[in-house]
């Protein structure tokens, strides 16, 4: 799994696995899901990140596993 914050394009991308993306769907304004051939979600893109999260919160990234 990879997480990428693209400050230039003001976006966050979460890639769940490396399977090929065959379709993408905007499920809410600025939230795009990427699907593989088995119709599983393999990526999540969030656009306009700075309008959703304050810069202070972007500096601190917390990962939780349960």
PDB file of N, CA and C in Angstrom:
ATOM      1  N   UNK A   1       0.859  -1.173   0.000  1.00  0.00           N
ATOM      2  CA  UNK A   1       0.000   0.000   0.000  1.00  0.00           C
ATOM      3  C   UNK A   1       0.900   1.230   0.000  1.00  0.00           C
ATOM      4  N   UNK A   2       0.517   2.227  -0.788  1.00  0.00           N
ATOM      5  CA  UNK A   2       1.265   3.476  -0.885  1.00  0.00           C
ATOM      6  C   UNK A   2       0.324   4.656  -0.670  1.00  0.00           C
ATOM      7  N   UNK A   3       0.844   5.673  -0.016  1.00  0.00           N
ATOM      8  CA  UNK A   3       0.106   6.928   0.141  1.00  0.00           C
ATOM      9  C   UNK A   3       0.997   8.036  -0.420  1.00  0.00           C
ATOM     10  N   UNK A   4       0.405   8.859  -1.284  1.00  0.00           N
ATOM     11  CA  UNK A   4       1.159   9.955  -1.890  1.00  0.00           C
ATOM     12  C   UNK A   4       0.358  11.246  -1.742  1.00  0.00           C
ATOM     13  N   UNK A   5       1.028  12.273  -1.248  1.00  0.00           N
ATOM     14  CA  UNK A   5       0.433  13.606  -1.205  1.00  0.00           C
ATOM     15  C   UNK A   5       1.139  14.440  -2.258  1.00  0.00           C
ATOM     16  N   UNK A   6       0.377  14.932  -3.209  1.00  0.00           N
ATOM     17  CA  UNK A   6       0.898  15.736  -4.317  1.00  0.00           C
ATOM     18  C   UNK A   6       0.503  17.190  -4.044  1.00  0.00           C
ATOM     19  N   UNK A   7       1.430  17.938  -3.492  1.00  0.00           N
ATOM     20  CA  UNK A   7       1.134  19.333  -3.129  1.00  0.00           C
ATOM     21  C   UNK A   7       0.889  20.196  -4.361  1.00  0.00           C
ATOM     22  N   UNK A   8       1.599  19.915  -5.438  1.00  0.00           N
ATOM     23  CA  UNK A   8       1.448  20.713  -6.653  1.00  0.00           C
ATOM     24  C   UNK A   8       0.027  20.600  -7.219  1.00  0.00           C
ATOM     25  N   UNK A   9      -0.532  19.389  -7.180  1.00  0.00           N
ATOM     26  CA  UNK A   9      -1.889  19.167  -7.688  1.00  0.00           C
ATOM     27  C   UNK A   9      -2.946  19.139  -6.588  1.00  0.00           C
ATOM     28  N   UNK A  10      -2.512  19.381  -5.352  1.00  0.00           N
ATOM     29  CA  UNK A  10      -3.423  19.467  -4.207  1.00  0.00           C
ATOM     30  C   UNK A  10      -4.276  18.204  -4.090  1.00  0.00           C
ATOM     31  N   UNK A  11      -3.592  17.044  -4.061  1.00  0.00           N
ATOM     32  CA  UNK A  11      -4.313  15.772  -4.055  1.00  0.00           C
ATOM     33  C   UNK A  11      -3.606  14.760  -3.154  1.00  0.00           C
ATOM     34  N   UNK A  12      -4.395  13.813  -2.673  1.00  0.00           N
ATOM     35  CA  UNK A  12      -3.888  12.662  -1.923  1.00  0.00           C
ATOM     36  C   UNK A  12      -4.290  11.416  -2.692  1.00  0.00           C
ATOM     37  N   UNK A  13      -3.367  10.465  -2.804  1.00  0.00           N
ATOM     38  CA  UNK A  13      -3.673   9.225  -3.502  1.00  0.00           C
ATOM     39  C   UNK A  13      -3.268   8.053  -2.633  1.00  0.00           C
ATOM     40  N   UNK A  14      -4.197   7.143  -2.415  1.00  0.00           N
ATOM     41  CA  UNK A  14      -3.966   5.920  -1.658  1.00  0.00           C
ATOM     42  C   UNK A  14      -4.068   4.756  -2.633  1.00  0.00           C
ATOM     43  N   UNK A  15      -2.972   4.028  -2.803  1.00  0.00           N
ATOM     44  CA  UNK A  15      -2.946   2.885  -3.717  1.00  0.00           C
ATOM     45  C   UNK A  15      -2.921   1.610  -2.881  1.00  0.00           C
ATOM     46  N   UNK A  16      -3.948   0.787  -3.014  1.00  0.00           N
ATOM     47  CA  UNK A  16      -4.089  -0.402  -2.190  1.00  0.00           C
ATOM     48  C   UNK A  16      -3.280  -1.585  -2.700  1.00  0.00           C
ATOM     49  N   UNK A  17      -3.174  -1.738  -4.011  1.00  0.00           N
ATOM     50  CA  UNK A  17      -2.312  -2.777  -4.592  1.00  0.00           C
ATOM     51  C   UNK A  17      -1.877  -2.343  -5.978  1.00  0.00           C
ATOM     52  N   UNK A  18      -1.073  -3.157  -6.620  1.00  0.00           N
ATOM     53  CA  UNK A  18      -0.473  -2.772  -7.897  1.00  0.00           C
ATOM     54  C   UNK A  18      -1.188  -3.362  -9.111  1.00  0.00           C
ATOM     55  N   UNK A  19      -2.392  -3.893  -8.943  1.00  0.00           N
ATOM     56  CA  UNK A  19      -3.108  -4.422 -10.102  1.00  0.00           C
ATOM     57  C   UNK A  19      -3.474  -3.271 -11.044  1.00  0.00           C
ATOM     58  N   UNK A  20      -3.677  -3.600 -12.297  1.00  0.00           N
ATOM     59  CA  UNK A  20      -3.970  -2.590 -13.314  1.00  0.00           C
ATOM     60  C   UNK A  20      -5.324  -1.938 -13.079  1.00  0.00           C
ATOM     61  N   UNK A  21      -5.372  -0.647 -13.290  1.00  0.00           N
ATOM     62  CA  UNK A  21      -6.620   0.108 -13.168  1.00  0.00           C
ATOM     63  C   UNK A  21      -7.336   0.053 -14.512  1.00  0.00           C
ATOM     64  N   UNK A  22      -8.586  -0.398 -14.486  1.00  0.00           N
ATOM     65  CA  UNK A  22      -9.348  -0.487 -15.742  1.00  0.00           C
ATOM     66  C   UNK A  22     -10.496   0.511 -15.790  1.00  0.00           C
ATOM     67  N   UNK A  23     -10.858   1.066 -14.642  1.00  0.00           N
ATOM     68  CA  UNK A  23     -11.957   2.029 -14.603  1.00  0.00           C
ATOM     69  C   UNK A  23     -11.812   2.922 -13.381  1.00  0.00           C
ATOM     70  N   UNK A  24     -12.265   4.156 -13.507  1.00  0.00           N
ATOM     71  CA  UNK A  24     -12.283   5.099 -12.392  1.00  0.00           C
ATOM     72  C   UNK A  24     -13.664   5.720 -12.323  1.00  0.00           C
ATOM     73  N   UNK A  25     -14.087   6.030 -11.102  1.00  0.00           N
ATOM     74  CA  UNK A  25     -15.413   6.628 -10.916  1.00  0.00           C
ATOM     75  C   UNK A  25     -15.339   7.693  -9.832  1.00  0.00           C
ATOM     76  N   UNK A  26     -15.858   8.875 -10.146  1.00  0.00           N
ATOM     77  CA  UNK A  26     -15.943   9.936  -9.140  1.00  0.00           C
ATOM     78  C   UNK A  26     -17.210   9.679  -8.328  1.00  0.00           C
ATOM     79  N   UNK A  27     -17.050   9.266  -7.077  1.00  0.00           N
ATOM     80  CA  UNK A  27     -18.186   8.873  -6.246  1.00  0.00           C
ATOM     81  C   UNK A  27     -18.768  10.049  -5.474  1.00  0.00           C
ATOM     82  N   UNK A  28     -17.990  11.079  -5.272  1.00  0.00           N
ATOM     83  CA  UNK A  28     -18.410  12.349  -4.699  1.00  0.00           C
ATOM     84  C   UNK A  28     -17.530  13.403  -5.349  1.00  0.00           C
ATOM     85  N   UNK A  29     -17.928  14.661  -5.317  1.00  0.00           N
ATOM     86  CA  UNK A  29     -17.060  15.673  -5.931  1.00  0.00           C
ATOM     87  C   UNK A  29     -15.646  15.630  -5.340  1.00  0.00           C
ATOM     88  N   UNK A  30     -14.669  15.371  -6.204  1.00  0.00           N
ATOM     89  CA  UNK A  30     -13.279  15.346  -5.780  1.00  0.00           C
ATOM     90  C   UNK A  30     -12.820  14.058  -5.132  1.00  0.00           C
ATOM     91  N   UNK A  31     -13.633  13.012  -5.136  1.00  0.00           N
ATOM     92  CA  UNK A  31     -13.247  11.709  -4.586  1.00  0.00           C
ATOM     93  C   UNK A  31     -13.410  10.671  -5.694  1.00  0.00           C
ATOM     94  N   UNK A  32     -12.289  10.099  -6.101  1.00  0.00           N
ATOM     95  CA  UNK A  32     -12.271   9.191  -7.251  1.00  0.00           C
ATOM     96  C   UNK A  32     -11.779   7.822  -6.804  1.00  0.00           C
ATOM     97  N   UNK A  33     -12.528   6.783  -7.171  1.00  0.00           N
ATOM     98  CA  UNK A  33     -12.126   5.409  -6.886  1.00  0.00           C
ATOM     99  C   UNK A  33     -11.610   4.781  -8.169  1.00  0.00           C
ATOM    100  N   UNK A  34     -10.499   4.044  -8.061  1.00  0.00           N
ATOM    101  CA  UNK A  34      -9.945   3.293  -9.182  1.00  0.00           C
ATOM    102  C   UNK A  34     -10.244   1.816  -8.971  1.00  0.00           C
ATOM    103  N   UNK A  35     -10.685   1.146 -10.033  1.00  0.00           N
ATOM    104  CA  UNK A  35     -11.071  -0.263  -9.968  1.00  0.00           C
ATOM    105  C   UNK A  35     -10.181  -1.105 -10.864  1.00  0.00           C
ATOM    106  N   UNK A  36      -9.939  -2.354 -10.463  1.00  0.00           N
ATOM    107  CA  UNK A  36      -9.207  -3.295 -11.306  1.00  0.00           C
ATOM    108  C   UNK A  36     -10.195  -4.126 -12.123  1.00  0.00           C
ATOM    109  N   UNK A  37      -9.695  -5.120 -12.848  1.00  0.00           N
ATOM    110  CA  UNK A  37     -10.537  -5.940 -13.725  1.00  0.00           C
ATOM    111  C   UNK A  37     -11.565  -6.765 -12.956  1.00  0.00           C
ATOM    112  N   UNK A  38     -11.305  -7.024 -11.684  1.00  0.00           N
ATOM    113  CA  UNK A  38     -12.256  -7.773 -10.843  1.00  0.00           C
ATOM    114  C   UNK A  38     -13.246  -6.855 -10.137  1.00  0.00           C
ATOM    115  N   UNK A  39     -13.257  -5.580 -10.523  1.00  0.00           N
ATOM    116  CA  UNK A  39     -14.150  -4.563  -9.958  1.00  0.00           C
ATOM    117  C   UNK A  39     -13.872  -4.299  -8.471  1.00  0.00           C
ATOM    118  N   UNK A  40     -12.628  -4.499  -8.068  1.00  0.00           N
ATOM    119  CA  UNK A  40     -12.218  -4.195  -6.698  1.00  0.00           C
ATOM    120  C   UNK A  40     -11.574  -2.814  -6.669  1.00  0.00           C
ATOM    121  N   UNK A  41     -11.794  -2.084  -5.594  1.00  0.00           N
ATOM    122  CA  UNK A  41     -11.164  -0.772  -5.436  1.00  0.00           C
ATOM    123  C   UNK A  41      -9.679  -0.984  -5.168  1.00  0.00           C
ATOM    124  N   UNK A  42      -8.837  -0.378  -5.990  1.00  0.00           N
ATOM    125  CA  UNK A  42      -7.389  -0.492  -5.817  1.00  0.00           C
ATOM    126  C   UNK A  42      -6.726   0.860  -5.586  1.00  0.00           C
ATOM    127  N   UNK A  43      -7.486   1.947  -5.727  1.00  0.00           N
ATOM    128  CA  UNK A  43      -6.942   3.272  -5.490  1.00  0.00           C
ATOM    129  C   UNK A  43      -8.027   4.262  -5.121  1.00  0.00           C
ATOM    130  N   UNK A  44      -7.642   5.229  -4.312  1.00  0.00           N
ATOM    131  CA  UNK A  44      -8.561   6.284  -3.885  1.00  0.00           C
ATOM    132  C   UNK A  44      -7.821   7.614  -4.032  1.00  0.00           C
ATOM    133  N   UNK A  45      -8.409   8.529  -4.775  1.00  0.00           N
ATOM    134  CA  UNK A  45      -7.818   9.853  -4.955  1.00  0.00           C
ATOM    135  C   UNK A  45      -8.751  10.899  -4.370  1.00  0.00           C
ATOM    136  N   UNK A  46      -8.178  11.821  -3.608  1.00  0.00           N
ATOM    137  CA  UNK A  46      -8.941  12.919  -3.029  1.00  0.00           C
ATOM    138  C   UNK A  46      -8.334  14.215  -3.552  1.00  0.00           C
ATOM    139  N   UNK A  47      -9.138  14.963  -4.289  1.00  0.00           N
ATOM    140  CA  UNK A  47      -8.695  16.226  -4.872  1.00  0.00           C
ATOM    141  C   UNK A  47      -9.046  17.386  -3.946  1.00  0.00           C
ATOM    142  N   UNK A  48      -8.446  18.540  -4.208  1.00  0.00           N
ATOM    143  CA  UNK A  48      -8.666  19.742  -3.391  1.00  0.00           C
ATOM    144  C   UNK A  48      -8.391  19.463  -1.919  1.00  0.00           C
ATOM    145  N   UNK A  49      -7.288  18.807  -1.669  1.00  0.00           N
ATOM    146  CA  UNK A  49      -6.940  18.378  -0.319  1.00  0.00           C
ATOM    147  C   UNK A  49      -6.841  19.539   0.660  1.00  0.00           C
ATOM    148  N   UNK A  50      -6.297  20.658   0.220  1.00  0.00           N
ATOM    149  CA  UNK A  50      -6.112  21.796   1.135  1.00  0.00           C
ATOM    150  C   UNK A  50      -7.441  22.380   1.615  1.00  0.00           C
ATOM    151  N   UNK A  51      -8.522  22.152   0.887  1.00  0.00           N
ATOM    152  CA  UNK A  51      -9.839  22.617   1.326  1.00  0.00           C
ATOM    153  C   UNK A  51     -10.459  21.645   2.327  1.00  0.00           C
ATOM    154  N   UNK A  52      -9.908  20.438   2.421  1.00  0.00           N
ATOM    155  CA  UNK A  52     -10.463  19.406   3.290  1.00  0.00           C
ATOM    156  C   UNK A  52      -9.674  19.219   4.586  1.00  0.00           C
ATOM    157  N   UNK A  53      -8.360  19.537   4.522  1.00  0.00           N
ATOM    158  CA  UNK A  53      -7.472  19.299   5.661  1.00  0.00           C
ATOM    159  C   UNK A  53      -6.590  20.523   5.849  1.00  0.00           C
ATOM    160  N   UNK A  54      -6.406  20.951   7.076  1.00  0.00           N
ATOM    161  CA  UNK A  54      -5.556  22.108   7.344  1.00  0.00           C
ATOM    162  C   UNK A  54      -4.085  21.742   7.092  1.00  0.00           C
ATOM    163  N   UNK A  55      -3.257  22.714   6.728  1.00  0.00           N
ATOM    164  CA  UNK A  55      -1.827  22.435   6.502  1.00  0.00           C
ATOM    165  C   UNK A  55      -1.144  21.821   7.726  1.00  0.00           C
ATOM    166  N   UNK A  56      -1.558  22.213   8.916  1.00  0.00           N
ATOM    167  CA  UNK A  56      -0.971  21.661  10.131  1.00  0.00           C
ATOM    168  C   UNK A  56      -1.214  20.155  10.224  1.00  0.00           C
ATOM    169  N   UNK A  57      -2.409  19.724   9.840  1.00  0.00           N
ATOM    170  CA  UNK A  57      -2.732  18.298   9.907  1.00  0.00           C
ATOM    171  C   UNK A  57      -2.011  17.509   8.818  1.00  0.00           C
ATOM    172  N   UNK A  58      -1.686  18.158   7.701  1.00  0.00           N
ATOM    173  CA  UNK A  58      -0.949  17.471   6.642  1.00  0.00           C
ATOM    174  C   UNK A  58       0.509  17.227   7.021  1.00  0.00           C
ATOM    175  N   UNK A  59       1.044  18.027   7.933  1.00  0.00           N
ATOM    176  CA  UNK A  59       2.435  17.854   8.360  1.00  0.00           C
ATOM    177  C   UNK A  59       2.611  16.639   9.253  1.00  0.00           C
ATOM    178  N   UNK A  60       1.550  16.245   9.941  1.00  0.00           N
ATOM    179  CA  UNK A  60       1.614  15.098  10.849  1.00  0.00           C
ATOM    180  C   UNK A  60       0.756  13.992  10.267  1.00  0.00           C
ATOM    181  N   UNK A  61       1.391  12.864  10.016  1.00  0.00           N
ATOM    182  CA  UNK A  61       0.670  11.739   9.434  1.00  0.00           C
ATOM    183  C   UNK A  61       0.718  10.592  10.420  1.00  0.00           C
ATOM    184  N   UNK A  62      -0.421  10.056  10.758  1.00  0.00           N
ATOM    185  CA  UNK A  62      -0.503   8.989  11.743  1.00  0.00           C
ATOM    186  C   UNK A  62      -1.069   7.740  11.083  1.00  0.00           C
ATOM    187  N   UNK A  63      -0.369   6.631  11.245  1.00  0.00           N
ATOM    188  CA  UNK A  63      -0.815   5.364  10.712  1.00  0.00           C
ATOM    189  C   UNK A  63      -1.214   4.459  11.863  1.00  0.00           C
ATOM    190  N   UNK A  64      -2.415   3.930  11.803  1.00  0.00           N
ATOM    191  CA  UNK A  64      -2.885   3.021  12.842  1.00  0.00           C
ATOM    192  C   UNK A  64      -3.196   1.672  12.224  1.00  0.00           C
ATOM    193  N   UNK A  65      -2.687   0.625  12.837  1.00  0.00           N
ATOM    194  CA  UNK A  65      -3.048  -0.737  12.432  1.00  0.00           C
ATOM    195  C   UNK A  65      -3.656  -1.426  13.642  1.00  0.00           C
ATOM    196  N   UNK A  66      -4.684  -2.174  13.381  1.00  0.00           N
ATOM    197  CA  UNK A  66      -5.379  -2.858  14.492  1.00  0.00           C
ATOM    198  C   UNK A  66      -5.290  -4.347  14.287  1.00  0.00           C
TER     199      UNK A  66
END
